[in-house]
Amino acid sequence: MMKDSGVTASAFISASIGILLIGILAFLRKGLPFLEVYPPAGTFSGIWLYSYLIWGGVWAFSYSILKRYQSVWTLKGWSILLLISILVSTILIEASLVSSYLWS
């Protein structure tokens, strides 16, 4: 079984965390006033801004640690992790839309 390098691992880790953060912030957006960075865009401006900042920070941190490793897990494992983070984020976003529809 072929192992992936640390550079690939850092990309998958940061993408998974960034996607999860989008879902978490979208779910909690009504209780977080600091998300309204650009008022005409509402809380979505903050959700995207903070998700990109965290994604970049996690990527830089994980890249600096994992760049020297030649084999870290498999592409199949990283892909499953990414798909799970997309699924969880999608569920959180859908739940936030349903709850805002039910409570309005």
N, C-alpha and C. Protein backbone atom coordinates (compact mmCIF):
# COMPACT_ATOMS: atom_id res chain seq x y z
N MET A 1 0.85 -1.18 0.00
CA MET A 1 0.00 0.00 0.00
C MET A 1 0.89 1.24 0.00
N MET A 2 0.59 2.15 -0.89
CA MET A 2 1.40 3.35 -1.03
C MET A 2 1.03 4.39 0.01
N LYS A 3 2.03 4.96 0.63
CA LYS A 3 1.82 5.99 1.65
C LYS A 3 2.02 7.36 1.02
N ASP A 4 1.31 8.35 1.56
CA ASP A 4 1.44 9.71 1.07
C ASP A 4 2.43 10.49 1.92
N SER A 5 2.97 11.54 1.33
CA SER A 5 3.98 12.34 2.02
C SER A 5 3.32 13.27 3.03
N GLY A 6 4.13 13.88 3.86
CA GLY A 6 3.66 14.82 4.85
C GLY A 6 3.07 16.08 4.23
N VAL A 7 3.55 16.45 3.04
CA VAL A 7 3.02 17.63 2.35
C VAL A 7 1.56 17.38 1.97
N THR A 8 1.28 16.20 1.45
CA THR A 8 -0.10 15.84 1.11
C THR A 8 -0.96 15.78 2.36
N ALA A 9 -0.42 15.22 3.41
CA ALA A 9 -1.15 15.12 4.67
C ALA A 9 -1.52 16.50 5.21
N SER A 10 -0.59 17.43 5.14
CA SER A 10 -0.89 18.78 5.64
C SER A 10 -1.99 19.45 4.83
N ALA A 11 -2.03 19.20 3.54
CA ALA A 11 -3.10 19.76 2.70
C ALA A 11 -4.45 19.18 3.08
N PHE A 12 -4.51 17.87 3.28
CA PHE A 12 -5.77 17.24 3.65
C PHE A 12 -6.22 17.64 5.05
N ILE A 13 -5.30 17.74 5.99
CA ILE A 13 -5.64 18.14 7.35
C ILE A 13 -6.20 19.55 7.37
N SER A 14 -5.52 20.47 6.71
CA SER A 14 -5.98 21.87 6.73
C SER A 14 -7.30 22.03 5.99
N ALA A 15 -7.48 21.33 4.88
CA ALA A 15 -8.75 21.41 4.16
C ALA A 15 -9.90 20.85 5.00
N SER A 16 -9.66 19.74 5.68
CA SER A 16 -10.71 19.15 6.52
C SER A 16 -11.09 20.07 7.66
N ILE A 17 -10.12 20.67 8.31
CA ILE A 17 -10.40 21.58 9.41
C ILE A 17 -11.10 22.84 8.91
N GLY A 18 -10.67 23.38 7.77
CA GLY A 18 -11.32 24.55 7.20
C GLY A 18 -12.77 24.29 6.85
N ILE A 19 -13.06 23.15 6.27
CA ILE A 19 -14.42 22.79 5.91
C ILE A 19 -15.28 22.60 7.15
N LEU A 20 -14.75 21.93 8.16
CA LEU A 20 -15.49 21.76 9.41
C LEU A 20 -15.78 23.11 10.07
N LEU A 21 -14.83 24.01 10.01
CA LEU A 21 -15.03 25.33 10.61
C LEU A 21 -16.14 26.10 9.90
N ILE A 22 -16.25 25.96 8.60
CA ILE A 22 -17.35 26.59 7.87
C ILE A 22 -18.69 26.09 8.41
N GLY A 23 -18.81 24.79 8.58
CA GLY A 23 -20.04 24.22 9.10
C GLY A 23 -20.34 24.66 10.53
N ILE A 24 -19.32 24.68 11.38
CA ILE A 24 -19.52 25.07 12.77
C ILE A 24 -19.91 26.55 12.87
N LEU A 25 -19.22 27.40 12.14
CA LEU A 25 -19.53 28.83 12.19
C LEU A 25 -20.90 29.13 11.59
N ALA A 26 -21.27 28.40 10.53
CA ALA A 26 -22.59 28.60 9.94
C ALA A 26 -23.68 28.17 10.92
N PHE A 27 -23.43 27.10 11.66
CA PHE A 27 -24.41 26.63 12.64
C PHE A 27 -24.57 27.61 13.80
N LEU A 28 -23.46 28.23 14.21
CA LEU A 28 -23.47 29.13 15.37
C LEU A 28 -23.58 30.60 15.01
N ARG A 29 -23.82 30.93 13.77
CA ARG A 29 -23.70 32.31 13.29
C ARG A 29 -24.62 33.30 13.99
N LYS A 30 -25.76 32.90 14.46
CA LYS A 30 -26.68 33.85 15.11
C LYS A 30 -26.15 34.33 16.45
N GLY A 31 -25.37 33.52 17.14
CA GLY A 31 -24.86 33.90 18.45
C GLY A 31 -23.47 34.50 18.44
N LEU A 32 -22.90 34.70 17.25
CA LEU A 32 -21.54 35.21 17.14
C LEU A 32 -21.52 36.54 16.37
N PRO A 33 -21.61 37.66 17.08
CA PRO A 33 -21.69 38.96 16.38
C PRO A 33 -20.40 39.34 15.64
N PHE A 34 -19.26 38.78 16.02
CA PHE A 34 -18.00 39.14 15.35
C PHE A 34 -17.91 38.58 13.93
N LEU A 35 -18.89 37.77 13.52
CA LEU A 35 -18.87 37.23 12.16
C LEU A 35 -19.32 38.24 11.11
N GLU A 36 -19.91 39.33 11.53
CA GLU A 36 -20.38 40.33 10.58
C GLU A 36 -19.24 41.31 10.27
N VAL A 37 -18.30 40.86 9.48
CA VAL A 37 -17.13 41.65 9.12
C VAL A 37 -17.50 42.73 8.10
N TYR A 38 -18.29 42.36 7.13
CA TYR A 38 -18.75 43.27 6.09
C TYR A 38 -20.28 43.25 6.14
N PRO A 39 -20.90 44.26 6.79
CA PRO A 39 -22.34 44.23 7.07
C PRO A 39 -23.26 43.93 5.88
N PRO A 40 -23.01 44.44 4.66
CA PRO A 40 -23.91 44.08 3.56
C PRO A 40 -23.94 42.57 3.26
N ALA A 41 -22.87 41.87 3.57
CA ALA A 41 -22.82 40.42 3.32
C ALA A 41 -23.30 39.62 4.51
N GLY A 42 -23.53 40.27 5.62
CA GLY A 42 -24.00 39.56 6.82
C GLY A 42 -22.89 38.72 7.45
N THR A 43 -23.31 37.64 8.09
CA THR A 43 -22.34 36.80 8.80
C THR A 43 -21.50 35.94 7.87
N PHE A 44 -21.93 35.81 6.62
CA PHE A 44 -21.17 34.97 5.70
C PHE A 44 -19.78 35.51 5.42
N SER A 45 -19.62 36.83 5.50
CA SER A 45 -18.29 37.41 5.29
C SER A 45 -17.32 36.93 6.38
N GLY A 46 -17.77 36.90 7.61
CA GLY A 46 -16.92 36.43 8.70
C GLY A 46 -16.67 34.94 8.66
N ILE A 47 -17.71 34.18 8.27
CA ILE A 47 -17.55 32.73 8.18
C ILE A 47 -16.44 32.40 7.20
N TRP A 48 -16.47 33.01 6.02
CA TRP A 48 -15.44 32.73 5.02
C TRP A 48 -14.08 33.28 5.42
N LEU A 49 -14.06 34.49 5.97
CA LEU A 49 -12.80 35.09 6.38
C LEU A 49 -12.09 34.25 7.43
N TYR A 50 -12.79 33.91 8.50
CA TYR A 50 -12.16 33.16 9.58
C TYR A 50 -11.83 31.73 9.17
N SER A 51 -12.64 31.15 8.31
CA SER A 51 -12.33 29.80 7.82
C SER A 51 -11.05 29.80 6.99
N TYR A 52 -10.90 30.81 6.13
CA TYR A 52 -9.68 30.91 5.33
C TYR A 52 -8.45 31.18 6.21
N LEU A 53 -8.60 32.04 7.20
CA LEU A 53 -7.46 32.33 8.08
C LEU A 53 -7.03 31.09 8.86
N ILE A 54 -8.00 30.36 9.41
CA ILE A 54 -7.67 29.14 10.15
C ILE A 54 -7.09 28.09 9.21
N TRP A 55 -7.69 27.96 8.03
CA TRP A 55 -7.17 27.00 7.06
C TRP A 55 -5.70 27.30 6.74
N GLY A 56 -5.38 28.56 6.47
CA GLY A 56 -4.00 28.93 6.15
C GLY A 56 -3.06 28.71 7.32
N GLY A 57 -3.51 29.04 8.52
CA GLY A 57 -2.68 28.83 9.70
C GLY A 57 -2.44 27.36 9.98
N VAL A 58 -3.48 26.55 9.87
CA VAL A 58 -3.32 25.11 10.08
C VAL A 58 -2.42 24.51 9.02
N TRP A 59 -2.59 24.96 7.77
CA TRP A 59 -1.73 24.43 6.72
C TRP A 59 -0.26 24.78 6.98
N ALA A 60 0.01 26.02 7.32
CA ALA A 60 1.41 26.43 7.58
C ALA A 60 2.00 25.65 8.75
N PHE A 61 1.21 25.48 9.81
CA PHE A 61 1.69 24.76 10.98
C PHE A 61 1.92 23.28 10.67
N SER A 62 0.93 22.64 10.05
CA SER A 62 1.07 21.20 9.77
C SER A 62 2.14 20.96 8.70
N TYR A 63 2.26 21.87 7.74
CA TYR A 63 3.30 21.72 6.72
C TYR A 63 4.69 21.79 7.35
N SER A 64 4.87 22.74 8.28
CA SER A 64 6.19 22.87 8.91
C SER A 64 6.55 21.64 9.73
N ILE A 65 5.56 20.96 10.25
CA ILE A 65 5.83 19.75 11.03
C ILE A 65 5.97 18.52 10.14
N LEU A 66 5.10 18.38 9.15
CA LEU A 66 5.02 17.13 8.38
C LEU A 66 5.84 17.11 7.10
N LYS A 67 6.46 18.22 6.71
CA LYS A 67 7.15 18.27 5.40
C LYS A 67 8.31 17.30 5.29
N ARG A 68 8.91 16.93 6.37
CA ARG A 68 10.07 16.04 6.31
C ARG A 68 9.71 14.55 6.32
N TYR A 69 8.43 14.24 6.52
CA TYR A 69 8.00 12.85 6.55
C TYR A 69 7.73 12.34 5.14
N GLN A 70 8.24 11.18 4.84
CA GLN A 70 8.07 10.59 3.51
C GLN A 70 6.78 9.78 3.39
N SER A 71 6.28 9.26 4.50
CA SER A 71 5.05 8.48 4.42
C SER A 71 4.18 8.73 5.65
N VAL A 72 2.99 9.24 5.38
CA VAL A 72 2.02 9.53 6.43
C VAL A 72 0.67 9.04 5.93
N TRP A 73 0.18 7.96 6.45
CA TRP A 73 -1.13 7.38 6.12
C TRP A 73 -1.27 7.17 4.62
N THR A 74 -2.47 6.92 4.14
CA THR A 74 -2.68 6.66 2.71
C THR A 74 -3.63 7.70 2.12
N LEU A 75 -3.61 7.79 0.80
CA LEU A 75 -4.51 8.71 0.12
C LEU A 75 -5.97 8.34 0.38
N LYS A 76 -6.24 7.04 0.44
CA LYS A 76 -7.61 6.59 0.73
C LYS A 76 -8.05 7.07 2.11
N GLY A 77 -7.19 6.97 3.09
CA GLY A 77 -7.51 7.43 4.44
C GLY A 77 -7.75 8.93 4.50
N TRP A 78 -6.87 9.70 3.83
CA TRP A 78 -7.04 11.15 3.82
C TRP A 78 -8.30 11.56 3.07
N SER A 79 -8.62 10.84 2.00
CA SER A 79 -9.83 11.14 1.25
C SER A 79 -11.08 10.86 2.07
N ILE A 80 -11.06 9.77 2.81
CA ILE A 80 -12.20 9.46 3.69
C ILE A 80 -12.35 10.52 4.76
N LEU A 81 -11.24 10.96 5.35
CA LEU A 81 -11.30 12.03 6.35
C LEU A 81 -11.89 13.30 5.76
N LEU A 82 -11.48 13.66 4.56
CA LEU A 82 -12.00 14.86 3.91
C LEU A 82 -13.50 14.72 3.61
N LEU A 83 -13.91 13.56 3.11
CA LEU A 83 -15.32 13.35 2.82
C LEU A 83 -16.18 13.38 4.09
N ILE A 84 -15.66 12.84 5.18
CA ILE A 84 -16.39 12.90 6.45
C ILE A 84 -16.53 14.34 6.92
N SER A 85 -15.46 15.13 6.78
CA SER A 85 -15.55 16.54 7.20
C SER A 85 -16.54 17.31 6.32
N ILE A 86 -16.60 17.00 5.03
CA ILE A 86 -17.59 17.63 4.16
C ILE A 86 -18.99 17.23 4.57
N LEU A 87 -19.19 15.97 4.90
CA LEU A 87 -20.51 15.48 5.32
C LEU A 87 -20.96 16.14 6.62
N VAL A 88 -20.07 16.21 7.60
CA VAL A 88 -20.41 16.83 8.88
C VAL A 88 -20.70 18.31 8.69
N SER A 89 -19.91 18.99 7.90
CA SER A 89 -20.14 20.41 7.64
C SER A 89 -21.47 20.63 6.94
N THR A 90 -21.79 19.80 5.97
CA THR A 90 -23.06 19.92 5.27
C THR A 90 -24.24 19.69 6.21
N ILE A 91 -24.13 18.72 7.09
CA ILE A 91 -25.19 18.46 8.07
C ILE A 91 -25.36 19.66 8.99
N LEU A 92 -24.26 20.25 9.45
CA LEU A 92 -24.35 21.42 10.32
C LEU A 92 -24.99 22.61 9.62
N ILE A 93 -24.63 22.83 8.37
CA ILE A 93 -25.20 23.95 7.62
C ILE A 93 -26.69 23.71 7.38
N GLU A 94 -27.06 22.50 7.01
CA GLU A 94 -28.48 22.18 6.82
C GLU A 94 -29.25 22.35 8.12
N ALA A 95 -28.67 21.91 9.23
CA ALA A 95 -29.34 22.05 10.53
C ALA A 95 -29.53 23.52 10.89
N SER A 96 -28.56 24.36 10.56
CA SER A 96 -28.71 25.78 10.85
C SER A 96 -29.80 26.40 10.00
N LEU A 97 -29.92 25.96 8.75
CA LEU A 97 -30.98 26.49 7.88
C LEU A 97 -32.36 26.03 8.34
N VAL A 98 -32.46 24.79 8.76
CA VAL A 98 -33.74 24.26 9.24
C VAL A 98 -34.14 24.96 10.53
N SER A 99 -33.18 25.13 11.44
CA SER A 99 -33.52 25.77 12.72
C SER A 99 -33.89 27.24 12.53
N SER A 100 -33.23 27.92 11.60
CA SER A 100 -33.59 29.33 11.37
C SER A 100 -34.96 29.42 10.69
N TYR A 101 -35.31 28.43 9.88
CA TYR A 101 -36.62 28.41 9.24
C TYR A 101 -37.71 28.12 10.27
N LEU A 102 -37.45 27.19 11.18
CA LEU A 102 -38.45 26.81 12.18
C LEU A 102 -38.67 27.88 13.23
N TRP A 103 -37.63 28.65 13.56
CA TRP A 103 -37.73 29.64 14.63
C TRP A 103 -38.06 31.03 14.14
N SER A 104 -38.21 31.21 12.84
CA SER A 104 -38.53 32.55 12.36
C SER A 104 -40.01 32.75 12.13
